[in-house]
Amino acid sequence: MRNLEIMDNIVEKNEYVSIQLTDHGLNLILNEEGRDFLSEDKDDYFCDFEEIFESINVNSEWMFHRDLGQKGFGMTSAEGFSVGYHYGDDGEMEGEGDVYYNNEYAIRSFIEGLLLNGYYFFSKA
């Protein structure tokens, strides 16, 4: 695992992951419990990640999206996070906030980076 200064700018965390804001995006940091959970032989890493992220998703304004384009953020197929948005009565995303996306979504899954390095950078839109 590469070294990453994780003490500053942690805005959300649970028993598996932390969200660290940077000047140009965010670092999603996976701790040992999260790594163990994702490293198990699983069929669908995205479902496993959604399970890991669930307590942050339901207890804060942070949301994980498998496909930001399908949520109306205009980035085709990129995985990412939003903060400050919510679902309106019509099921569409509403609000004002920030969006962070996997700039390399067409090259590799962010989960590969999490398992390899222990963290992954998401660019701010």
Protein backbone atom coordinates (compact mmCIF):
# COMPACT_ATOMS: atom_id res chain seq x y z
CA MET A 1 0.00 0.00 0.00
CA ARG A 2 1.33 3.44 -0.91
CA ASN A 3 1.74 6.05 1.80
CA LEU A 4 -0.98 8.67 1.93
CA GLU A 5 -1.36 11.36 4.57
CA ILE A 6 -4.85 10.53 5.78
CA MET A 7 -5.06 12.63 8.89
CA ASP A 8 -6.21 15.91 7.28
CA ASN A 9 -9.52 16.82 5.65
CA ILE A 10 -11.43 13.62 6.45
CA VAL A 11 -15.07 14.64 5.97
CA GLU A 12 -16.81 11.27 6.38
CA LYS A 13 -15.81 7.78 7.46
CA ASN A 14 -17.15 4.49 8.65
CA GLU A 15 -15.60 1.21 9.71
CA TYR A 16 -14.39 0.48 6.12
CA VAL A 17 -13.66 3.71 4.23
CA SER A 18 -12.86 7.40 4.70
CA ILE A 19 -13.48 10.35 2.38
CA GLN A 20 -10.66 12.88 2.29
CA LEU A 21 -11.14 16.16 0.41
CA THR A 22 -8.24 17.57 -1.59
CA ASP A 23 -7.82 20.73 -3.65
CA HIS A 24 -8.91 18.99 -6.86
CA GLY A 25 -11.14 16.15 -5.71
CA LEU A 26 -11.30 13.48 -3.08
CA ASN A 27 -9.40 10.43 -1.96
CA LEU A 28 -11.47 7.43 -1.05
CA ILE A 29 -9.39 5.56 1.52
CA LEU A 30 -9.95 1.88 2.24
CA ASN A 31 -8.85 0.58 5.63
CA GLU A 32 -7.84 -3.01 6.43
CA GLU A 33 -11.40 -4.10 7.30
CA GLY A 34 -12.62 -2.73 3.98
CA ARG A 35 -9.78 -4.37 2.09
CA ASP A 36 -10.54 -7.73 3.71
CA PHE A 37 -14.22 -7.37 2.84
CA LEU A 38 -13.58 -6.47 -0.82
CA SER A 39 -10.75 -9.01 -1.21
CA GLU A 40 -12.97 -11.97 -0.48
CA ASP A 41 -13.90 -13.97 -3.56
CA LYS A 42 -17.01 -12.07 -4.61
CA ASP A 43 -19.10 -12.04 -7.77
CA ASP A 44 -19.90 -8.33 -7.82
CA TYR A 45 -17.42 -5.86 -6.35
CA PHE A 46 -19.80 -2.95 -6.92
CA CYS A 47 -22.51 -4.53 -4.75
CA ASP A 48 -19.87 -5.18 -2.11
CA PHE A 49 -18.67 -1.59 -2.29
CA GLU A 50 -22.24 -0.31 -2.03
CA GLU A 51 -22.60 -2.40 1.12
CA ILE A 52 -19.35 -0.95 2.51
CA PHE A 53 -20.51 2.61 1.72
CA GLU A 54 -24.10 2.16 2.88
CA SER A 55 -23.71 3.63 6.38
CA ILE A 56 -22.19 6.81 4.92
CA ASN A 57 -24.84 6.92 2.19
CA VAL A 58 -27.77 6.81 4.64
CA ASN A 59 -26.27 8.97 7.41
CA SER A 60 -24.87 11.89 5.40
CA GLU A 61 -25.32 13.86 2.18
CA TRP A 62 -22.71 11.70 0.41
CA MET A 63 -23.97 9.30 -2.27
CA PHE A 64 -22.13 6.72 -4.37
CA HIS A 65 -23.25 6.34 -7.99
CA ARG A 66 -22.25 3.45 -10.24
CA ASP A 67 -23.04 5.58 -13.29
CA LEU A 68 -23.19 9.35 -12.87
CA GLY A 69 -24.68 9.76 -16.36
CA GLN A 70 -27.77 7.78 -15.39
CA LYS A 71 -28.28 10.11 -12.42
CA GLY A 72 -28.30 13.18 -14.66
CA PHE A 73 -24.78 14.40 -13.97
CA GLY A 74 -23.78 14.08 -17.64
CA MET A 75 -20.68 11.90 -17.30
CA THR A 76 -21.33 8.74 -19.24
CA SER A 77 -20.70 5.59 -17.23
CA ALA A 78 -18.25 7.15 -14.74
CA GLU A 79 -18.52 5.97 -11.17
CA GLY A 80 -18.50 8.70 -8.59
CA PHE A 81 -19.85 10.48 -5.57
CA SER A 82 -22.12 13.42 -4.99
CA VAL A 83 -22.65 15.55 -1.91
CA GLY A 84 -25.44 18.06 -1.42
CA TYR A 85 -27.93 16.36 -3.73
CA HIS A 86 -31.04 14.33 -2.95
CA TYR A 87 -33.79 12.52 -4.81
CA GLY A 88 -36.81 14.71 -5.56
CA ASP A 89 -40.42 13.56 -5.61
CA ASP A 90 -40.06 12.67 -9.30
CA GLY A 91 -37.00 10.48 -8.63
CA GLU A 92 -34.59 12.96 -10.23
CA MET A 93 -31.51 14.34 -8.47
CA GLU A 94 -32.07 17.78 -6.98
CA GLY A 95 -30.04 20.24 -4.96
CA GLU A 96 -26.72 21.98 -5.19
CA GLY A 97 -23.43 20.45 -4.29
CA ASP A 98 -20.34 18.80 -5.67
CA VAL A 99 -19.74 15.80 -7.89
CA TYR A 100 -16.57 13.69 -7.92
CA TYR A 101 -15.90 11.18 -10.69
CA ASN A 102 -13.49 8.42 -11.67
CA ASN A 103 -11.54 10.09 -14.46
CA GLU A 104 -10.15 6.70 -15.53
CA TYR A 105 -13.48 4.83 -15.55
CA ALA A 106 -12.94 3.57 -19.12
CA ILE A 107 -9.50 2.21 -18.23
CA ARG A 108 -10.03 0.58 -14.85
CA SER A 109 -12.40 0.26 -11.98
CA PHE A 110 -11.72 2.36 -8.91
CA ILE A 111 -12.06 -0.82 -6.88
CA GLU A 112 -8.88 -2.16 -8.50
CA GLY A 113 -7.08 0.98 -7.32
CA LEU A 114 -8.53 0.66 -3.83
CA LEU A 115 -7.34 -2.92 -3.52
CA LEU A 116 -3.93 -2.15 -5.02
CA ASN A 117 -3.10 1.13 -3.22
CA GLY A 118 -5.57 1.39 -0.37
CA TYR A 119 -7.02 4.61 -1.79
CA TYR A 120 -8.34 6.04 -5.05
CA PHE A 121 -8.58 9.64 -6.31
CA PHE A 122 -11.83 11.03 -7.74
CA SER A 123 -11.67 14.31 -9.70
CA LYS A 124 -13.99 17.16 -8.82
CA ALA A 125 -16.34 18.04 -11.67
